[in-house]
Amino acid sequence: MIRLTRAGDYAARAVLHLASLDKDEIADRESVSKAQDIPLSFLSKILQQLSAAGIIRSFKGSAGGYRLARPAVEITFLEVITAVEGPLALNQCLVRPSRCDRSEKCPIHPIWERAQAGLENVLDSITFAEILMDNDHQKPRPKPVRVDRGDLLD
């Protein structure tokens, strides 16, 4: 069975970091690494893969770095994960049905296919803009200030 690795987790965190920047802001590898607690050597490979997939853009030079290639509302969680992990599969028979001599007659195979489709649909329905909005709602908010009516002036 294929499972998600740290690369998928790191890729999602790197894209989320870039999505949180202003539209034309560029982040260097070191700032992404530090902000998201991703080893720098591992991050380099992930950023290359995300760039090759058209999810982020890289800029060379002393002021170089990375930013999203498209708006965060157009980038799905599934797209980022598959850019670094390859196609997702809940079971080996979904990856290589020809290697499983039971694929065509197995009563469990359709269940794996439905579960796989469900996972892909959920991950494909979540954009990084939505993740940012949800995260903003979880930030601590200042407590309301209570005012005694006696303190108010007429």
C-alpha atoms as a PDB file:
ATOM      1  CA  MET A   1       0.000   0.000   0.000  1.00  0.00           C
ATOM      2  CA  ILE A   2       1.187   3.494  -0.758  1.00  0.00           C
ATOM      3  CA  ARG A   3       1.091   6.043   2.022  1.00  0.00           C
ATOM      4  CA  LEU A   4       1.736   9.728   2.280  1.00  0.00           C
ATOM      5  CA  THR A   5       5.226  10.752   3.301  1.00  0.00           C
ATOM      6  CA  ARG A   6       6.697  13.794   4.989  1.00  0.00           C
ATOM      7  CA  ALA A   7       7.167  15.263   1.505  1.00  0.00           C
ATOM      8  CA  GLY A   8       3.409  15.694   1.121  1.00  0.00           C
ATOM      9  CA  ASP A   9       3.104  17.304   4.530  1.00  0.00           C
ATOM     10  CA  TYR A  10       6.050  19.620   3.867  1.00  0.00           C
ATOM     11  CA  ALA A  11       4.731  20.547   0.419  1.00  0.00           C
ATOM     12  CA  ALA A  12       1.349  21.497   1.869  1.00  0.00           C
ATOM     13  CA  ARG A  13       3.017  23.618   4.563  1.00  0.00           C
ATOM     14  CA  ALA A  14       5.296  25.339   2.032  1.00  0.00           C
ATOM     15  CA  VAL A  15       2.376  26.189  -0.264  1.00  0.00           C
ATOM     16  CA  LEU A  16       0.303  27.388   2.692  1.00  0.00           C
ATOM     17  CA  HIS A  17       3.172  29.686   3.698  1.00  0.00           C
ATOM     18  CA  LEU A  18       3.435  31.110   0.185  1.00  0.00           C
ATOM     19  CA  ALA A  19      -0.352  31.484   0.028  1.00  0.00           C
ATOM     20  CA  SER A  20      -0.234  33.621   3.161  1.00  0.00           C
ATOM     21  CA  LEU A  21       2.037  36.204   1.510  1.00  0.00           C
ATOM     22  CA  ASP A  22       0.903  39.304  -0.312  1.00  0.00           C
ATOM     23  CA  LYS A  23       0.260  38.762  -4.033  1.00  0.00           C
ATOM     24  CA  ASP A  24       3.648  39.999  -5.285  1.00  0.00           C
ATOM     25  CA  GLU A  25       5.717  39.079  -2.235  1.00  0.00           C
ATOM     26  CA  ILE A  26       8.526  36.563  -2.693  1.00  0.00           C
ATOM     27  CA  ALA A  27       9.828  34.274   0.062  1.00  0.00           C
ATOM     28  CA  ASP A  28      13.296  32.755   0.081  1.00  0.00           C
ATOM     29  CA  ARG A  29      13.904  29.116   0.978  1.00  0.00           C
ATOM     30  CA  GLU A  30      15.326  29.968   4.373  1.00  0.00           C
ATOM     31  CA  SER A  31      12.257  31.915   5.479  1.00  0.00           C
ATOM     32  CA  VAL A  32       9.897  29.137   4.340  1.00  0.00           C
ATOM     33  CA  SER A  33      12.094  26.534   6.042  1.00  0.00           C
ATOM     34  CA  LYS A  34      12.203  28.430   9.308  1.00  0.00           C
ATOM     35  CA  ALA A  35       8.532  29.458   9.360  1.00  0.00           C
ATOM     36  CA  GLN A  36       7.268  25.966   8.557  1.00  0.00           C
ATOM     37  CA  ASP A  37       9.936  23.903  10.343  1.00  0.00           C
ATOM     38  CA  ILE A  38      10.998  22.090   7.175  1.00  0.00           C
ATOM     39  CA  PRO A  39      14.609  20.916   6.763  1.00  0.00           C
ATOM     40  CA  LEU A  40      16.235  23.172   4.170  1.00  0.00           C
ATOM     41  CA  SER A  41      17.762  20.330   2.137  1.00  0.00           C
ATOM     42  CA  PHE A  42      14.390  18.576   1.891  1.00  0.00           C
ATOM     43  CA  LEU A  43      12.592  21.815   1.087  1.00  0.00           C
ATOM     44  CA  SER A  44      14.780  22.462  -1.971  1.00  0.00           C
ATOM     45  CA  LYS A  45      13.609  19.253  -3.639  1.00  0.00           C
ATOM     46  CA  ILE A  46       9.970  19.923  -2.738  1.00  0.00           C
ATOM     47  CA  LEU A  47      10.114  23.458  -4.135  1.00  0.00           C
ATOM     48  CA  GLN A  48      11.561  22.099  -7.392  1.00  0.00           C
ATOM     49  CA  GLN A  49       8.709  19.614  -7.685  1.00  0.00           C
ATOM     50  CA  LEU A  50       6.084  22.257  -6.932  1.00  0.00           C
ATOM     51  CA  SER A  51       7.659  24.549  -9.514  1.00  0.00           C
ATOM     52  CA  ALA A  52       7.728  21.787 -12.146  1.00  0.00           C
ATOM     53  CA  ALA A  53       4.030  21.157 -11.459  1.00  0.00           C
ATOM     54  CA  GLY A  54       3.211  24.829 -12.063  1.00  0.00           C
ATOM     55  CA  ILE A  55       2.072  25.450  -8.493  1.00  0.00           C
ATOM     56  CA  ILE A  56       4.810  27.896  -7.561  1.00  0.00           C
ATOM     57  CA  ARG A  57       7.227  30.128  -9.453  1.00  0.00           C
ATOM     58  CA  SER A  58      10.879  30.515  -8.643  1.00  0.00           C
ATOM     59  CA  PHE A  59      12.897  33.694  -9.079  1.00  0.00           C
ATOM     60  CA  LYS A  60      16.676  33.685  -9.296  1.00  0.00           C
ATOM     61  CA  GLY A  61      19.140  36.261  -8.081  1.00  0.00           C
ATOM     62  CA  SER A  62      19.912  38.031  -4.837  1.00  0.00           C
ATOM     63  CA  ALA A  63      16.273  39.053  -4.389  1.00  0.00           C
ATOM     64  CA  GLY A  64      15.042  35.666  -5.623  1.00  0.00           C
ATOM     65  CA  GLY A  65      12.746  33.225  -3.983  1.00  0.00           C
ATOM     66  CA  TYR A  66       9.315  31.700  -4.459  1.00  0.00           C
ATOM     67  CA  ARG A  67       5.671  32.655  -4.730  1.00  0.00           C
ATOM     68  CA  LEU A  68       2.502  30.995  -5.940  1.00  0.00           C
ATOM     69  CA  ALA A  69       2.152  30.650  -9.702  1.00  0.00           C
ATOM     70  CA  ARG A  70      -1.626  31.068  -9.424  1.00  0.00           C
ATOM     71  CA  PRO A  71      -4.040  32.452  -6.839  1.00  0.00           C
ATOM     72  CA  ALA A  72      -4.478  30.257  -3.758  1.00  0.00           C
ATOM     73  CA  VAL A  73      -8.155  29.817  -4.629  1.00  0.00           C
ATOM     74  CA  GLU A  74      -7.073  27.857  -7.728  1.00  0.00           C
ATOM     75  CA  ILE A  75      -4.631  25.494  -5.978  1.00  0.00           C
ATOM     76  CA  THR A  76      -6.124  22.389  -4.385  1.00  0.00           C
ATOM     77  CA  PHE A  77      -4.728  20.237  -1.625  1.00  0.00           C
ATOM     78  CA  LEU A  78      -4.843  17.216  -3.953  1.00  0.00           C
ATOM     79  CA  GLU A  79      -2.811  19.029  -6.602  1.00  0.00           C
ATOM     80  CA  VAL A  80      -0.043  19.843  -4.114  1.00  0.00           C
ATOM     81  CA  ILE A  81       0.090  16.354  -2.627  1.00  0.00           C
ATOM     82  CA  THR A  82       0.205  14.589  -6.005  1.00  0.00           C
ATOM     83  CA  ALA A  83       2.897  17.015  -7.241  1.00  0.00           C
ATOM     84  CA  VAL A  84       5.335  15.569  -4.711  1.00  0.00           C
ATOM     85  CA  GLU A  85       3.864  12.156  -3.890  1.00  0.00           C
ATOM     86  CA  GLY A  86       2.510  11.065  -7.251  1.00  0.00           C
ATOM     87  CA  PRO A  87      -0.972   9.570  -7.579  1.00  0.00           C
ATOM     88  CA  LEU A  88      -2.610   8.617  -4.283  1.00  0.00           C
ATOM     89  CA  ALA A  89      -3.798   5.071  -3.679  1.00  0.00           C
ATOM     90  CA  LEU A  90      -5.433   3.467  -0.670  1.00  0.00           C
ATOM     91  CA  ASN A  91      -4.490  -0.018  -1.784  1.00  0.00           C
ATOM     92  CA  GLN A  92      -1.826  -1.503  -4.044  1.00  0.00           C
ATOM     93  CA  CYS A  93      -4.475  -3.034  -6.320  1.00  0.00           C
ATOM     94  CA  LEU A  94      -5.631   0.482  -7.214  1.00  0.00           C
ATOM     95  CA  VAL A  95      -2.154   1.417  -8.393  1.00  0.00           C
ATOM     96  CA  ARG A  96      -1.442  -1.718 -10.405  1.00  0.00           C
ATOM     97  CA  PRO A  97      -4.630  -3.711 -11.013  1.00  0.00           C
ATOM     98  CA  SER A  98      -2.731  -5.930 -13.448  1.00  0.00           C
ATOM     99  CA  ARG A  99      -0.551  -7.187 -10.576  1.00  0.00           C
ATOM    100  CA  CYS A 100      -3.586  -8.339  -8.624  1.00  0.00           C
ATOM    101  CA  ASP A 101      -5.096 -11.492 -10.046  1.00  0.00           C
ATOM    102  CA  ARG A 102      -8.289 -10.800  -8.078  1.00  0.00           C
ATOM    103  CA  SER A 103      -8.981  -7.224  -9.280  1.00  0.00           C
ATOM    104  CA  GLU A 104     -11.747  -8.095 -11.718  1.00  0.00           C
ATOM    105  CA  LYS A 105     -13.573 -10.611  -9.540  1.00  0.00           C
ATOM    106  CA  CYS A 106     -12.809  -9.255  -6.066  1.00  0.00           C
ATOM    107  CA  PRO A 107     -15.917  -8.030  -4.224  1.00  0.00           C
ATOM    108  CA  ILE A 108     -13.754  -5.685  -2.112  1.00  0.00           C
ATOM    109  CA  HIS A 109     -12.054  -3.928  -5.040  1.00  0.00           C
ATOM    110  CA  PRO A 110     -15.079  -1.676  -5.815  1.00  0.00           C
ATOM    111  CA  ILE A 111     -15.099  -0.568  -2.163  1.00  0.00           C
ATOM    112  CA  TRP A 112     -11.448   0.492  -2.439  1.00  0.00           C
ATOM    113  CA  GLU A 113     -12.289   2.339  -5.660  1.00  0.00           C
ATOM    114  CA  ARG A 114     -15.154   4.226  -4.003  1.00  0.00           C
ATOM    115  CA  ALA A 115     -13.026   5.098  -0.980  1.00  0.00           C
ATOM    116  CA  GLN A 116     -10.234   6.265  -3.288  1.00  0.00           C
ATOM    117  CA  ALA A 117     -12.625   8.444  -5.265  1.00  0.00           C
ATOM    118  CA  GLY A 118     -14.006   9.894  -2.021  1.00  0.00           C
ATOM    119  CA  LEU A 119     -10.523  10.772  -0.759  1.00  0.00           C
ATOM    120  CA  GLU A 120      -9.596  12.412  -4.039  1.00  0.00           C
ATOM    121  CA  ASN A 121     -12.873  14.357  -4.146  1.00  0.00           C
ATOM    122  CA  VAL A 122     -12.361  15.704  -0.621  1.00  0.00           C
ATOM    123  CA  LEU A 123      -8.737  16.721  -1.220  1.00  0.00           C
ATOM    124  CA  ASP A 124      -9.593  18.230  -4.598  1.00  0.00           C
ATOM    125  CA  SER A 125     -12.399  20.300  -3.078  1.00  0.00           C
ATOM    126  CA  ILE A 126     -10.114  22.097  -0.605  1.00  0.00           C
ATOM    127  CA  THR A 127      -8.146  25.095  -1.832  1.00  0.00           C
ATOM    128  CA  PHE A 128      -5.323  26.858  -0.065  1.00  0.00           C
ATOM    129  CA  ALA A 129      -7.442  30.014   0.090  1.00  0.00           C
ATOM    130  CA  GLU A 130      -9.996  28.051   2.146  1.00  0.00           C
ATOM    131  CA  ILE A 131      -7.293  26.682   4.424  1.00  0.00           C
ATOM    132  CA  LEU A 132      -6.049  30.221   5.059  1.00  0.00           C
ATOM    133  CA  MET A 133      -9.572  31.462   5.814  1.00  0.00           C
ATOM    134  CA  ASP A 134     -10.195  28.571   8.212  1.00  0.00           C
ATOM    135  CA  ASN A 135      -6.856  29.252   9.904  1.00  0.00           C
ATOM    136  CA  ASP A 136      -7.718  32.944  10.327  1.00  0.00           C
ATOM    137  CA  HIS A 137     -10.878  31.951  12.175  1.00  0.00           C
ATOM    138  CA  GLN A 138      -8.850  29.874  14.642  1.00  0.00           C
ATOM    139  CA  LYS A 139      -6.497  32.660  15.654  1.00  0.00           C
ATOM    140  CA  PRO A 140      -7.078  33.941  19.168  1.00  0.00           C
ATOM    141  CA  ARG A 141      -9.286  36.988  19.140  1.00  0.00           C
ATOM    142  CA  PRO A 142      -9.077  39.786  21.682  1.00  0.00           C
ATOM    143  CA  LYS A 143     -11.551  39.443  24.489  1.00  0.00           C
ATOM    144  CA  PRO A 144     -14.332  42.010  24.415  1.00  0.00           C
ATOM    145  CA  VAL A 145     -13.916  44.812  26.900  1.00  0.00           C
ATOM    146  CA  ARG A 146     -16.720  44.971  29.414  1.00  0.00           C
ATOM    147  CA  VAL A 147     -17.865  48.442  30.353  1.00  0.00           C
ATOM    148  CA  ASP A 148     -19.886  49.187  33.461  1.00  0.00           C
ATOM    149  CA  ARG A 149     -22.872  51.349  32.684  1.00  0.00           C
ATOM    150  CA  GLY A 150     -21.843  53.591  35.556  1.00  0.00           C
ATOM    151  CA  ASP A 151     -18.658  54.457  33.639  1.00  0.00           C
ATOM    152  CA  LEU A 152     -20.603  55.866  30.700  1.00  0.00           C
ATOM    153  CA  LEU A 153     -21.270  59.559  30.527  1.00  0.00           C
ATOM    154  CA  ASP A 154     -24.712  60.830  29.647  1.00  0.00           C
END
